[in-house]
Amino acid sequence: MNTISGQTICNIPIAGLRACKPSVTPPRPPPPTADCCRAISHADMRCLCSYKKSPLIPSLGISVPLAEKLPAKCGLSTAAKC
């Protein structure tokens, strides 16, 4: 799901994105929560990669390098290879 429907982005519920935001926000992000890891375990990684170069991401205070590390920090083998 590549569209923003108000419910999900790239198969991640909006609540899941909110749960992950602290873990992708510099300067000292905490480890991802269980809610965050659950949310990204269902993510469409190819879809998420399409946002990698979006100027919107940094404007939201999100660090792309930190976001790319989330799957590994959650112990997921579905890491994005953008």
PDB file of N, CA and C in Angstrom:
ATOM      1  N   MET A   1       0.847  -1.173   0.000  1.00  0.00           N
ATOM      2  CA  MET A   1       0.000   0.000   0.000  1.00  0.00           C
ATOM      3  C   MET A   1       0.885   1.225   0.000  1.00  0.00           C
ATOM      4  N   ASN A   2       0.963   1.901  -1.110  1.00  0.00           N
ATOM      5  CA  ASN A   2       1.863   3.032  -1.259  1.00  0.00           C
ATOM      6  C   ASN A   2       1.176   4.364  -1.036  1.00  0.00           C
ATOM      7  N   THR A   3      -0.115   4.359  -0.820  1.00  0.00           N
ATOM      8  CA  THR A   3      -0.831   5.608  -0.621  1.00  0.00           C
ATOM      9  C   THR A   3      -1.042   5.861   0.860  1.00  0.00           C
ATOM     10  N   ILE A   4      -1.174   7.119   1.196  1.00  0.00           N
ATOM     11  CA  ILE A   4      -1.480   7.494   2.566  1.00  0.00           C
ATOM     12  C   ILE A   4      -2.995   7.528   2.664  1.00  0.00           C
ATOM     13  N   SER A   5      -3.555   6.571   3.368  1.00  0.00           N
ATOM     14  CA  SER A   5      -4.998   6.456   3.429  1.00  0.00           C
ATOM     15  C   SER A   5      -5.569   7.009   4.722  1.00  0.00           C
ATOM     16  N   GLY A   6      -4.736   7.525   5.592  1.00  0.00           N
ATOM     17  CA  GLY A   6      -5.196   7.943   6.892  1.00  0.00           C
ATOM     18  C   GLY A   6      -5.145   6.783   7.880  1.00  0.00           C
ATOM     19  N   GLN A   7      -4.961   5.579   7.375  1.00  0.00           N
ATOM     20  CA  GLN A   7      -4.911   4.402   8.223  1.00  0.00           C
ATOM     21  C   GLN A   7      -3.527   3.755   8.214  1.00  0.00           C
ATOM     22  N   THR A   8      -2.926   3.618   7.042  1.00  0.00           N
ATOM     23  CA  THR A   8      -1.621   2.973   6.944  1.00  0.00           C
ATOM     24  C   THR A   8      -0.743   3.688   5.922  1.00  0.00           C
ATOM     25  N   ILE A   9       0.557   3.528   6.091  1.00  0.00           N
ATOM     26  CA  ILE A   9       1.546   3.961   5.109  1.00  0.00           C
ATOM     27  C   ILE A   9       2.477   2.771   4.922  1.00  0.00           C
ATOM     28  N   CYS A  10       2.552   2.281   3.697  1.00  0.00           N
ATOM     29  CA  CYS A  10       3.401   1.124   3.394  1.00  0.00           C
ATOM     30  C   CYS A  10       3.091  -0.062   4.308  1.00  0.00           C
ATOM     31  N   ASN A  11       1.814  -0.247   4.576  1.00  0.00           N
ATOM     32  CA  ASN A  11       1.320  -1.363   5.378  1.00  0.00           C
ATOM     33  C   ASN A  11       1.629  -1.214   6.864  1.00  0.00           C
ATOM     34  N   ILE A  12       2.013  -0.015   7.293  1.00  0.00           N
ATOM     35  CA  ILE A  12       2.258   0.256   8.715  1.00  0.00           C
ATOM     36  C   ILE A  12       1.135   1.156   9.215  1.00  0.00           C
ATOM     37  N   PRO A  13       0.436   0.751  10.266  1.00  0.00           N
ATOM     38  CA  PRO A  13      -0.608   1.623  10.823  1.00  0.00           C
ATOM     39  C   PRO A  13       0.005   2.936  11.316  1.00  0.00           C
ATOM     40  N   ILE A  14      -0.776   3.995  11.233  1.00  0.00           N
ATOM     41  CA  ILE A  14      -0.302   5.305  11.689  1.00  0.00           C
ATOM     42  C   ILE A  14       0.169   5.226  13.146  1.00  0.00           C
ATOM     43  N   ALA A  15      -0.546   4.482  13.981  1.00  0.00           N
ATOM     44  CA  ALA A  15      -0.132   4.325  15.385  1.00  0.00           C
ATOM     45  C   ALA A  15       1.241   3.658  15.477  1.00  0.00           C
ATOM     46  N   GLY A  16       1.531   2.739  14.570  1.00  0.00           N
ATOM     47  CA  GLY A  16       2.840   2.095  14.543  1.00  0.00           C
ATOM     48  C   GLY A  16       3.932   3.071  14.164  1.00  0.00           C
ATOM     49  N   LEU A  17       3.625   3.940  13.207  1.00  0.00           N
ATOM     50  CA  LEU A  17       4.598   4.970  12.823  1.00  0.00           C
ATOM     51  C   LEU A  17       4.888   5.889  13.997  1.00  0.00           C
ATOM     52  N   ARG A  18       3.847   6.250  14.723  1.00  0.00           N
ATOM     53  CA  ARG A  18       4.043   7.098  15.903  1.00  0.00           C
ATOM     54  C   ARG A  18       4.894   6.386  16.951  1.00  0.00           C
ATOM     55  N   ALA A  19       4.673   5.084  17.113  1.00  0.00           N
ATOM     56  CA  ALA A  19       5.443   4.318  18.092  1.00  0.00           C
ATOM     57  C   ALA A  19       6.922   4.268  17.718  1.00  0.00           C
ATOM     58  N   CYS A  20       7.219   4.330  16.423  1.00  0.00           N
ATOM     59  CA  CYS A  20       8.606   4.250  15.949  1.00  0.00           C
ATOM     60  C   CYS A  20       9.315   5.605  15.924  1.00  0.00           C
ATOM     61  N   LYS A  21       8.565   6.687  15.901  1.00  0.00           N
ATOM     62  CA  LYS A  21       9.187   8.002  15.706  1.00  0.00           C
ATOM     63  C   LYS A  21      10.309   8.312  16.698  1.00  0.00           C
ATOM     64  N   PRO A  22      10.151   8.046  18.001  1.00  0.00           N
ATOM     65  CA  PRO A  22      11.268   8.365  18.907  1.00  0.00           C
ATOM     66  C   PRO A  22      12.565   7.633  18.530  1.00  0.00           C
ATOM     67  N   SER A  23      12.441   6.438  17.986  1.00  0.00           N
ATOM     68  CA  SER A  23      13.621   5.631  17.656  1.00  0.00           C
ATOM     69  C   SER A  23      14.322   6.060  16.383  1.00  0.00           C
ATOM     70  N   VAL A  24      13.725   6.975  15.643  1.00  0.00           N
ATOM     71  CA  VAL A  24      14.340   7.454  14.400  1.00  0.00           C
ATOM     72  C   VAL A  24      14.569   8.966  14.438  1.00  0.00           C
ATOM     73  N   THR A  25      14.497   9.528  15.653  1.00  0.00           N
ATOM     74  CA  THR A  25      14.665  10.961  15.826  1.00  0.00           C
ATOM     75  C   THR A  25      15.956  11.237  16.589  1.00  0.00           C
ATOM     76  N   PRO A  26      16.913  11.935  15.948  1.00  0.00           N
ATOM     77  CA  PRO A  26      18.164  12.275  16.627  1.00  0.00           C
ATOM     78  C   PRO A  26      17.901  13.255  17.774  1.00  0.00           C
ATOM     79  N   PRO A  27      18.829  13.474  18.678  1.00  0.00           N
ATOM     80  CA  PRO A  27      20.208  13.006  18.636  1.00  0.00           C
ATOM     81  C   PRO A  27      20.420  11.685  19.377  1.00  0.00           C
ATOM     82  N   ARG A  28      19.610  11.366  20.384  1.00  0.00           N
ATOM     83  CA  ARG A  28      19.821  10.127  21.150  1.00  0.00           C
ATOM     84  C   ARG A  28      18.537   9.298  21.148  1.00  0.00           C
ATOM     85  N   PRO A  29      18.292   8.590  20.053  1.00  0.00           N
ATOM     86  CA  PRO A  29      17.047   7.824  19.973  1.00  0.00           C
ATOM     87  C   PRO A  29      17.059   6.608  20.899  1.00  0.00           C
ATOM     88  N   PRO A  30      15.924   6.340  21.544  1.00  0.00           N
ATOM     89  CA  PRO A  30      15.840   5.135  22.364  1.00  0.00           C
ATOM     90  C   PRO A  30      15.677   3.910  21.466  1.00  0.00           C
ATOM     91  N   PRO A  31      15.898   2.722  22.005  1.00  0.00           N
ATOM     92  CA  PRO A  31      15.647   1.514  21.214  1.00  0.00           C
ATOM     93  C   PRO A  31      14.172   1.459  20.813  1.00  0.00           C
ATOM     94  N   PRO A  32      13.859   0.788  19.719  1.00  0.00           N
ATOM     95  CA  PRO A  32      12.461   0.693  19.318  1.00  0.00           C
ATOM     96  C   PRO A  32      11.642  -0.097  20.343  1.00  0.00           C
ATOM     97  N   THR A  33      10.405   0.313  20.508  1.00  0.00           N
ATOM     98  CA  THR A  33       9.502  -0.373  21.427  1.00  0.00           C
ATOM     99  C   THR A  33       8.939  -1.626  20.765  1.00  0.00           C
ATOM    100  N   ALA A  34       8.315  -2.461  21.568  1.00  0.00           N
ATOM    101  CA  ALA A  34       7.659  -3.656  21.034  1.00  0.00           C
ATOM    102  C   ALA A  34       6.567  -3.262  20.043  1.00  0.00           C
ATOM    103  N   ASP A  35       5.847  -2.176  20.322  1.00  0.00           N
ATOM    104  CA  ASP A  35       4.797  -1.714  19.403  1.00  0.00           C
ATOM    105  C   ASP A  35       5.392  -1.300  18.059  1.00  0.00           C
ATOM    106  N   CYS A  36       6.524  -0.624  18.095  1.00  0.00           N
ATOM    107  CA  CYS A  36       7.202  -0.212  16.867  1.00  0.00           C
ATOM    108  C   CYS A  36       7.631  -1.450  16.084  1.00  0.00           C
ATOM    109  N   CYS A  37       8.274  -2.377  16.746  1.00  0.00           N
ATOM    110  CA  CYS A  37       8.772  -3.572  16.051  1.00  0.00           C
ATOM    111  C   CYS A  37       7.630  -4.388  15.465  1.00  0.00           C
ATOM    112  N   ARG A  38       6.527  -4.483  16.191  1.00  0.00           N
ATOM    113  CA  ARG A  38       5.359  -5.195  15.666  1.00  0.00           C
ATOM    114  C   ARG A  38       4.857  -4.513  14.397  1.00  0.00           C
ATOM    115  N   ALA A  39       4.821  -3.192  14.423  1.00  0.00           N
ATOM    116  CA  ALA A  39       4.328  -2.437  13.271  1.00  0.00           C
ATOM    117  C   ALA A  39       5.216  -2.639  12.046  1.00  0.00           C
ATOM    118  N   ILE A  40       6.535  -2.536  12.219  1.00  0.00           N
ATOM    119  CA  ILE A  40       7.394  -2.648  11.035  1.00  0.00           C
ATOM    120  C   ILE A  40       7.573  -4.084  10.573  1.00  0.00           C
ATOM    121  N   SER A  41       7.185  -5.046  11.407  1.00  0.00           N
ATOM    122  CA  SER A  41       7.286  -6.441  10.975  1.00  0.00           C
ATOM    123  C   SER A  41       6.335  -6.737   9.816  1.00  0.00           C
ATOM    124  N   HIS A  42       5.330  -5.903   9.630  1.00  0.00           N
ATOM    125  CA  HIS A  42       4.360  -6.077   8.544  1.00  0.00           C
ATOM    126  C   HIS A  42       4.575  -5.078   7.413  1.00  0.00           C
ATOM    127  N   ALA A  43       5.622  -4.282   7.512  1.00  0.00           N
ATOM    128  CA  ALA A  43       5.849  -3.207   6.556  1.00  0.00           C
ATOM    129  C   ALA A  43       6.213  -3.715   5.163  1.00  0.00           C
ATOM    130  N   ASP A  44       5.799  -2.951   4.186  1.00  0.00           N
ATOM    131  CA  ASP A  44       6.220  -3.170   2.799  1.00  0.00           C
ATOM    132  C   ASP A  44       7.523  -2.399   2.630  1.00  0.00           C
ATOM    133  N   MET A  45       8.645  -3.095   2.755  1.00  0.00           N
ATOM    134  CA  MET A  45       9.953  -2.430   2.747  1.00  0.00           C
ATOM    135  C   MET A  45      10.244  -1.736   1.423  1.00  0.00           C
ATOM    136  N   ARG A  46       9.828  -2.316   0.323  1.00  0.00           N
ATOM    137  CA  ARG A  46      10.047  -1.666  -0.967  1.00  0.00           C
ATOM    138  C   ARG A  46       9.308  -0.322  -1.006  1.00  0.00           C
ATOM    139  N   CYS A  47       8.111  -0.305  -0.465  1.00  0.00           N
ATOM    140  CA  CYS A  47       7.337   0.932  -0.384  1.00  0.00           C
ATOM    141  C   CYS A  47       8.060   1.955   0.485  1.00  0.00           C
ATOM    142  N   LEU A  48       8.548   1.514   1.635  1.00  0.00           N
ATOM    143  CA  LEU A  48       9.267   2.438   2.514  1.00  0.00           C
ATOM    144  C   LEU A  48      10.502   3.002   1.832  1.00  0.00           C
ATOM    145  N   CYS A  49      11.177   2.191   1.053  1.00  0.00           N
ATOM    146  CA  CYS A  49      12.366   2.665   0.338  1.00  0.00           C
ATOM    147  C   CYS A  49      12.012   3.794  -0.629  1.00  0.00           C
ATOM    148  N   SER A  50      10.795   3.792  -1.136  1.00  0.00           N
ATOM    149  CA  SER A  50      10.400   4.845  -2.073  1.00  0.00           C
ATOM    150  C   SER A  50      10.366   6.213  -1.398  1.00  0.00           C
ATOM    151  N   TYR A  51      10.316   6.232  -0.074  1.00  0.00           N
ATOM    152  CA  TYR A  51      10.305   7.497   0.668  1.00  0.00           C
ATOM    153  C   TYR A  51      11.703   7.942   1.093  1.00  0.00           C
ATOM    154  N   LYS A  52      12.704   7.128   0.845  1.00  0.00           N
ATOM    155  CA  LYS A  52      14.060   7.376   1.344  1.00  0.00           C
ATOM    156  C   LYS A  52      14.605   8.754   0.969  1.00  0.00           C
ATOM    157  N   LYS A  53      14.374   9.183  -0.243  1.00  0.00           N
ATOM    158  CA  LYS A  53      14.930  10.470  -0.685  1.00  0.00           C
ATOM    159  C   LYS A  53      13.916  11.613  -0.605  1.00  0.00           C
ATOM    160  N   SER A  54      12.788  11.355   0.017  1.00  0.00           N
ATOM    161  CA  SER A  54      11.754  12.380   0.140  1.00  0.00           C
ATOM    162  C   SER A  54      12.205  13.489   1.089  1.00  0.00           C
ATOM    163  N   PRO A  55      12.048  14.751   0.684  1.00  0.00           N
ATOM    164  CA  PRO A  55      12.396  15.849   1.589  1.00  0.00           C
ATOM    165  C   PRO A  55      11.438  15.934   2.775  1.00  0.00           C
ATOM    166  N   LEU A  56      10.311  15.261   2.689  1.00  0.00           N
ATOM    167  CA  LEU A  56       9.349  15.262   3.778  1.00  0.00           C
ATOM    168  C   LEU A  56       9.897  14.555   5.016  1.00  0.00           C
ATOM    169  N   ILE A  57      10.645  13.485   4.813  1.00  0.00           N
ATOM    170  CA  ILE A  57      11.138  12.677   5.933  1.00  0.00           C
ATOM    171  C   ILE A  57      11.993  13.509   6.895  1.00  0.00           C
ATOM    172  N   PRO A  58      13.051  14.181   6.431  1.00  0.00           N
ATOM    173  CA  PRO A  58      13.830  15.005   7.362  1.00  0.00           C
ATOM    174  C   PRO A  58      13.013  16.156   7.953  1.00  0.00           C
ATOM    175  N   SER A  59      12.057  16.677   7.195  1.00  0.00           N
ATOM    176  CA  SER A  59      11.253  17.780   7.714  1.00  0.00           C
ATOM    177  C   SER A  59      10.382  17.331   8.887  1.00  0.00           C
ATOM    178  N   LEU A  60      10.145  16.034   8.996  1.00  0.00           N
ATOM    179  CA  LEU A  60       9.389  15.487  10.124  1.00  0.00           C
ATOM    180  C   LEU A  60      10.294  15.138  11.302  1.00  0.00           C
ATOM    181  N   GLY A  61      11.592  15.418  11.154  1.00  0.00           N
ATOM    182  CA  GLY A  61      12.549  15.141  12.220  1.00  0.00           C
ATOM    183  C   GLY A  61      13.041  13.708  12.223  1.00  0.00           C
ATOM    184  N   ILE A  62      12.808  12.990  11.130  1.00  0.00           N
ATOM    185  CA  ILE A  62      13.188  11.581  11.034  1.00  0.00           C
ATOM    186  C   ILE A  62      14.531  11.454  10.336  1.00  0.00           C
ATOM    187  N   SER A  63      15.408  10.672  10.919  1.00  0.00           N
ATOM    188  CA  SER A  63      16.711  10.383  10.329  1.00  0.00           C
ATOM    189  C   SER A  63      16.596   9.126   9.478  1.00  0.00           C
ATOM    190  N   VAL A  64      16.866   9.240   8.183  1.00  0.00           N
ATOM    191  CA  VAL A  64      16.810   8.082   7.291  1.00  0.00           C
ATOM    192  C   VAL A  64      17.797   7.004   7.738  1.00  0.00           C
ATOM    193  N   PRO A  65      19.057   7.341   8.078  1.00  0.00           N
ATOM    194  CA  PRO A  65      19.970   6.290   8.538  1.00  0.00           C
ATOM    195  C   PRO A  65      19.454   5.553   9.781  1.00  0.00           C
ATOM    196  N   LEU A  66      18.842   6.274  10.716  1.00  0.00           N
ATOM    197  CA  LEU A  66      18.283   5.614  11.895  1.00  0.00           C
ATOM    198  C   LEU A  66      17.101   4.735  11.504  1.00  0.00           C
ATOM    199  N   ALA A  67      16.277   5.207  10.588  1.00  0.00           N
ATOM    200  CA  ALA A  67      15.120   4.433  10.140  1.00  0.00           C
ATOM    201  C   ALA A  67      15.561   3.143   9.453  1.00  0.00           C
ATOM    202  N   GLU A  68      16.642   3.214   8.694  1.00  0.00           N
ATOM    203  CA  GLU A  68      17.133   2.022   7.997  1.00  0.00           C
ATOM    204  C   GLU A  68      17.623   0.945   8.968  1.00  0.00           C
ATOM    205  N   LYS A  69      17.989   1.354  10.178  1.00  0.00           N
ATOM    206  CA  LYS A  69      18.503   0.404  11.173  1.00  0.00           C
ATOM    207  C   LYS A  69      17.391  -0.250  12.004  1.00  0.00           C
ATOM    208  N   LEU A  70      16.172   0.267  11.908  1.00  0.00           N
ATOM    209  CA  LEU A  70      15.094  -0.260  12.742  1.00  0.00           C
ATOM    210  C   LEU A  70      14.848  -1.759  12.576  1.00  0.00           C
ATOM    211  N   PRO A  71      14.735  -2.274  11.345  1.00  0.00           N
ATOM    212  CA  PRO A  71      14.468  -3.712  11.235  1.00  0.00           C
ATOM    213  C   PRO A  71      15.516  -4.565  11.973  1.00  0.00           C
ATOM    214  N   ALA A  72      16.778  -4.227  11.824  1.00  0.00           N
ATOM    215  CA  ALA A  72      17.825  -4.988  12.510  1.00  0.00           C
ATOM    216  C   ALA A  72      17.711  -4.846  14.012  1.00  0.00           C
ATOM    217  N   LYS A  73      17.408  -3.640  14.490  1.00  0.00           N
ATOM    218  CA  LYS A  73      17.260  -3.422  15.926  1.00  0.00           C
ATOM    219  C   LYS A  73      16.070  -4.192  16.484  1.00  0.00           C
ATOM    220  N   CYS A  74      15.097  -4.466  15.616  1.00  0.00           N
ATOM    221  CA  CYS A  74      13.924  -5.242  16.043  1.00  0.00           C
ATOM    222  C   CYS A  74      14.147  -6.736  15.836  1.00  0.00           C
ATOM    223  N   GLY A  75      15.309  -7.113  15.316  1.00  0.00           N
ATOM    224  CA  GLY A  75      15.585  -8.526  15.079  1.00  0.00           C
ATOM    225  C   GLY A  75      14.842  -9.104  13.897  1.00  0.00           C
ATOM    226  N   LEU A  76      14.486  -8.238  12.939  1.00  0.00           N
ATOM    227  CA  LEU A  76      13.756  -8.688  11.760  1.00  0.00           C
ATOM    228  C   LEU A  76      14.734  -8.976  10.631  1.00  0.00           C
ATOM    229  N   SER A  77      14.486 -10.024   9.919  1.00  0.00           N
ATOM    230  CA  SER A  77      15.362 -10.384   8.803  1.00  0.00           C
ATOM    231  C   SER A  77      14.928  -9.729   7.503  1.00  0.00           C
ATOM    232  N   THR A  78      13.853  -8.943   7.557  1.00  0.00           N
ATOM    233  CA  THR A  78      13.328  -8.304   6.351  1.00  0.00           C
ATOM    234  C   THR A  78      13.867  -6.894   6.188  1.00  0.00           C
ATOM    235  N   ALA A  79      15.120  -6.698   6.500  1.00  0.00           N
ATOM    236  CA  ALA A  79      15.717  -5.366   6.398  1.00  0.00           C
ATOM    237  C   ALA A  79      15.610  -4.838   4.986  1.00  0.00           C
ATOM    238  N   ALA A  80      15.371  -3.548   4.901  1.00  0.00           N
ATOM    239  CA  ALA A  80      15.241  -2.913   3.584  1.00  0.00           C
ATOM    240  C   ALA A  80      16.609  -2.795   2.940  1.00  0.00           C
ATOM    241  N   LYS A  81      16.673  -3.147   1.687  1.00  0.00           N
ATOM    242  CA  LYS A  81      17.901  -2.954   0.919  1.00  0.00           C
ATOM    243  C   LYS A  81      17.558  -1.952  -0.159  1.00  0.00           C
ATOM    244  N   CYS A  82      17.558  -0.705   0.247  1.00  0.00           N
ATOM    245  CA  CYS A  82      17.145   0.374  -0.668  1.00  0.00           C
ATOM    246  C   CYS A  82      18.250   0.712  -1.647  1.00  0.00           C
TER     247      CYS A  82
END
